[in-house]
């Protein structure tokens, strides 16, 4: 299993993350940059590394990720989902722990579309009686 690669896809909002886990020293590469460099906020870096910390595989894999669409927070959520799915592909025994932490559930929330005759999705123009 030393030369095997585990890949998975994760989605969140409008973001899509494609991940490849390769046994290594724990290097994170996101769109050609380091994880801390790509996700400037420490909370997003923590979010991305959450499934590996939970399963104590933080130094065992090199992560190569390709992210597309959405914003930085959505991309971090998509990457977390993809890493979780790849870890389950690596070892099925990790699934109960990841499921208990709700990391295998895809967040279905999307941006609601803007309606005509309104300012935004739900906000309306000011009503004038006269």
C-alpha atoms as a PDB file:
ATOM      1  CA  UNK A   1       0.000   0.000   0.000  1.00  0.00           C
ATOM      2  CA  UNK A   2       3.021   2.315   0.038  1.00  0.00           C
ATOM      3  CA  UNK A   3       2.668   3.448  -3.597  1.00  0.00           C
ATOM      4  CA  UNK A   4      -1.137   3.697  -3.674  1.00  0.00           C
ATOM      5  CA  UNK A   5      -3.003   6.962  -4.149  1.00  0.00           C
ATOM      6  CA  UNK A   6      -6.434   7.666  -2.668  1.00  0.00           C
ATOM      7  CA  UNK A   7      -8.530  10.275  -4.456  1.00  0.00           C
ATOM      8  CA  UNK A   8     -11.919  11.801  -3.709  1.00  0.00           C
ATOM      9  CA  UNK A   9     -14.159  14.757  -4.548  1.00  0.00           C
ATOM     10  CA  UNK A  10     -15.864  17.086  -2.078  1.00  0.00           C
ATOM     11  CA  UNK A  11     -18.401  19.866  -2.601  1.00  0.00           C
ATOM     12  CA  UNK A  12     -19.654  22.799  -0.519  1.00  0.00           C
ATOM     13  CA  UNK A  13     -21.764  25.719  -1.780  1.00  0.00           C
ATOM     14  CA  UNK A  14     -20.372  26.376  -5.291  1.00  0.00           C
ATOM     15  CA  UNK A  15     -16.908  24.939  -4.561  1.00  0.00           C
ATOM     16  CA  UNK A  16     -15.510  21.652  -5.795  1.00  0.00           C
ATOM     17  CA  UNK A  17     -12.372  20.033  -4.378  1.00  0.00           C
ATOM     18  CA  UNK A  18     -10.471  17.150  -5.938  1.00  0.00           C
ATOM     19  CA  UNK A  19      -7.990  15.521  -3.569  1.00  0.00           C
ATOM     20  CA  UNK A  20      -5.223  12.948  -3.883  1.00  0.00           C
ATOM     21  CA  UNK A  21      -3.803  11.396  -0.712  1.00  0.00           C
ATOM     22  CA  UNK A  22      -0.363   9.860  -1.167  1.00  0.00           C
ATOM     23  CA  UNK A  23       1.628   8.269   1.678  1.00  0.00           C
ATOM     24  CA  UNK A  24       4.301  10.772   2.704  1.00  0.00           C
ATOM     25  CA  UNK A  25       5.425  13.297   5.319  1.00  0.00           C
ATOM     26  CA  UNK A  26       2.223  15.350   5.678  1.00  0.00           C
ATOM     27  CA  UNK A  27       2.742  18.057   3.035  1.00  0.00           C
ATOM     28  CA  UNK A  28      -0.385  20.013   2.010  1.00  0.00           C
ATOM     29  CA  UNK A  29      -0.473  21.458  -1.524  1.00  0.00           C
ATOM     30  CA  UNK A  30      -3.571  23.427  -2.534  1.00  0.00           C
ATOM     31  CA  UNK A  31      -3.633  24.747  -6.121  1.00  0.00           C
ATOM     32  CA  UNK A  32       0.164  24.744  -6.181  1.00  0.00           C
ATOM     33  CA  UNK A  33       0.520  26.622  -2.873  1.00  0.00           C
ATOM     34  CA  UNK A  34       0.912  25.574   0.746  1.00  0.00           C
ATOM     35  CA  UNK A  35      -2.221  25.156   2.876  1.00  0.00           C
ATOM     36  CA  UNK A  36      -1.393  28.052   5.219  1.00  0.00           C
ATOM     37  CA  UNK A  37      -0.526  30.242   2.233  1.00  0.00           C
ATOM     38  CA  UNK A  38      -3.738  29.463   0.324  1.00  0.00           C
ATOM     39  CA  UNK A  39      -6.135  29.635   3.292  1.00  0.00           C
ATOM     40  CA  UNK A  40      -4.957  32.813   5.048  1.00  0.00           C
ATOM     41  CA  UNK A  41      -7.238  32.381   8.066  1.00  0.00           C
ATOM     42  CA  UNK A  42      -6.084  29.918  10.743  1.00  0.00           C
ATOM     43  CA  UNK A  43      -9.685  28.787  11.318  1.00  0.00           C
ATOM     44  CA  UNK A  44      -9.897  27.578   7.707  1.00  0.00           C
ATOM     45  CA  UNK A  45      -6.582  25.724   8.015  1.00  0.00           C
ATOM     46  CA  UNK A  46      -7.902  24.067  11.186  1.00  0.00           C
ATOM     47  CA  UNK A  47     -11.136  23.154   9.361  1.00  0.00           C
ATOM     48  CA  UNK A  48      -9.216  21.532   6.501  1.00  0.00           C
ATOM     49  CA  UNK A  49      -6.958  19.490   8.804  1.00  0.00           C
ATOM     50  CA  UNK A  50      -9.817  18.390  11.090  1.00  0.00           C
ATOM     51  CA  UNK A  51     -10.458  14.922   9.560  1.00  0.00           C
ATOM     52  CA  UNK A  52      -6.751  14.018   9.656  1.00  0.00           C
ATOM     53  CA  UNK A  53      -6.364  15.179  13.263  1.00  0.00           C
ATOM     54  CA  UNK A  54      -9.463  13.215  14.274  1.00  0.00           C
ATOM     55  CA  UNK A  55      -8.109   9.997  12.744  1.00  0.00           C
ATOM     56  CA  UNK A  56      -4.476  10.772  13.779  1.00  0.00           C
ATOM     57  CA  UNK A  57      -3.170  10.507  10.195  1.00  0.00           C
ATOM     58  CA  UNK A  58      -1.779  14.070  10.116  1.00  0.00           C
ATOM     59  CA  UNK A  59       1.834  13.113   9.249  1.00  0.00           C
ATOM     60  CA  UNK A  60       1.134  10.009   7.182  1.00  0.00           C
ATOM     61  CA  UNK A  61      -0.132  11.510   3.904  1.00  0.00           C
ATOM     62  CA  UNK A  62       0.851  14.160   1.396  1.00  0.00           C
ATOM     63  CA  UNK A  63      -2.288  15.986   0.257  1.00  0.00           C
ATOM     64  CA  UNK A  64      -2.508  17.421  -3.257  1.00  0.00           C
ATOM     65  CA  UNK A  65      -5.751  19.347  -3.826  1.00  0.00           C
ATOM     66  CA  UNK A  66      -7.284  21.126  -6.790  1.00  0.00           C
ATOM     67  CA  UNK A  67      -9.993  23.629  -5.831  1.00  0.00           C
ATOM     68  CA  UNK A  68     -12.417  25.396  -8.126  1.00  0.00           C
ATOM     69  CA  UNK A  69     -15.371  27.775  -7.730  1.00  0.00           C
ATOM     70  CA  UNK A  70     -16.910  29.580  -4.784  1.00  0.00           C
ATOM     71  CA  UNK A  71     -15.128  31.511  -2.061  1.00  0.00           C
ATOM     72  CA  UNK A  72     -12.368  30.608   0.348  1.00  0.00           C
ATOM     73  CA  UNK A  73     -14.671  29.324   3.129  1.00  0.00           C
ATOM     74  CA  UNK A  74     -16.676  27.166   0.712  1.00  0.00           C
ATOM     75  CA  UNK A  75     -13.460  25.773  -0.743  1.00  0.00           C
ATOM     76  CA  UNK A  76     -12.201  24.886   2.737  1.00  0.00           C
ATOM     77  CA  UNK A  77     -15.435  22.996   3.445  1.00  0.00           C
ATOM     78  CA  UNK A  78     -15.204  21.177   0.109  1.00  0.00           C
ATOM     79  CA  UNK A  79     -11.587  20.233   0.805  1.00  0.00           C
ATOM     80  CA  UNK A  80     -12.488  18.904   4.255  1.00  0.00           C
ATOM     81  CA  UNK A  81     -15.203  16.737   2.674  1.00  0.00           C
ATOM     82  CA  UNK A  82     -12.826  15.413   0.004  1.00  0.00           C
ATOM     83  CA  UNK A  83     -10.101  14.562   2.542  1.00  0.00           C
ATOM     84  CA  UNK A  84     -12.679  12.757   4.688  1.00  0.00           C
ATOM     85  CA  UNK A  85     -13.899  10.690   1.728  1.00  0.00           C
ATOM     86  CA  UNK A  86     -10.325   9.840   0.703  1.00  0.00           C
ATOM     87  CA  UNK A  87      -9.517   8.697   4.259  1.00  0.00           C
ATOM     88  CA  UNK A  88     -12.556   6.388   4.196  1.00  0.00           C
ATOM     89  CA  UNK A  89     -11.271   5.028   0.873  1.00  0.00           C
ATOM     90  CA  UNK A  90      -7.911   4.403   2.516  1.00  0.00           C
ATOM     91  CA  UNK A  91      -9.297   2.633   5.577  1.00  0.00           C
ATOM     92  CA  UNK A  92     -12.977   1.778   6.018  1.00  0.00           C
ATOM     93  CA  UNK A  93     -12.537   1.404   9.813  1.00  0.00           C
ATOM     94  CA  UNK A  94     -12.218   5.201  10.090  1.00  0.00           C
ATOM     95  CA  UNK A  95     -15.774   5.728   8.821  1.00  0.00           C
ATOM     96  CA  UNK A  96     -17.656   5.462  12.178  1.00  0.00           C
ATOM     97  CA  UNK A  97     -15.430   8.070  13.847  1.00  0.00           C
ATOM     98  CA  UNK A  98     -15.733  10.458  10.899  1.00  0.00           C
ATOM     99  CA  UNK A  99     -19.483   9.908  10.681  1.00  0.00           C
ATOM    100  CA  UNK A 100     -19.889  10.599  14.408  1.00  0.00           C
ATOM    101  CA  UNK A 101     -18.053  13.917  13.930  1.00  0.00           C
ATOM    102  CA  UNK A 102     -20.490  14.698  11.050  1.00  0.00           C
ATOM    103  CA  UNK A 103     -17.651  15.053   8.539  1.00  0.00           C
ATOM    104  CA  UNK A 104     -19.217  12.690   5.996  1.00  0.00           C
ATOM    105  CA  UNK A 105     -22.431  14.720   5.670  1.00  0.00           C
ATOM    106  CA  UNK A 106     -22.509  17.090   2.701  1.00  0.00           C
ATOM    107  CA  UNK A 107     -23.788  20.538   3.698  1.00  0.00           C
ATOM    108  CA  UNK A 108     -26.733  21.076   1.295  1.00  0.00           C
ATOM    109  CA  UNK A 109     -27.112  24.825   1.864  1.00  0.00           C
ATOM    110  CA  UNK A 110     -26.821  26.874  -1.318  1.00  0.00           C
ATOM    111  CA  UNK A 111     -27.321  30.566  -2.026  1.00  0.00           C
ATOM    112  CA  UNK A 112     -30.989  31.352  -2.659  1.00  0.00           C
ATOM    113  CA  UNK A 113     -31.708  32.955  -6.012  1.00  0.00           C
ATOM    114  CA  UNK A 114     -32.732  36.606  -6.350  1.00  0.00           C
ATOM    115  CA  UNK A 115     -36.413  37.123  -7.169  1.00  0.00           C
ATOM    116  CA  UNK A 116     -37.705  39.771  -9.576  1.00  0.00           C
ATOM    117  CA  UNK A 117     -39.391  42.784  -8.001  1.00  0.00           C
ATOM    118  CA  UNK A 118     -37.142  42.423  -4.957  1.00  0.00           C
ATOM    119  CA  UNK A 119     -33.762  43.806  -3.942  1.00  0.00           C
ATOM    120  CA  UNK A 120     -32.256  40.398  -3.051  1.00  0.00           C
ATOM    121  CA  UNK A 121     -33.535  36.866  -2.450  1.00  0.00           C
ATOM    122  CA  UNK A 122     -35.858  37.916   0.392  1.00  0.00           C
ATOM    123  CA  UNK A 123     -35.223  41.635   0.954  1.00  0.00           C
ATOM    124  CA  UNK A 124     -37.843  43.820  -0.694  1.00  0.00           C
ATOM    125  CA  UNK A 125     -37.891  47.387  -1.904  1.00  0.00           C
ATOM    126  CA  UNK A 126     -39.293  49.882   0.596  1.00  0.00           C
ATOM    127  CA  UNK A 127     -43.088  49.995   0.511  1.00  0.00           C
ATOM    128  CA  UNK A 128     -44.645  53.432   0.108  1.00  0.00           C
ATOM    129  CA  UNK A 129     -48.351  53.892   0.867  1.00  0.00           C
ATOM    130  CA  UNK A 130     -48.502  57.310  -0.811  1.00  0.00           C
END
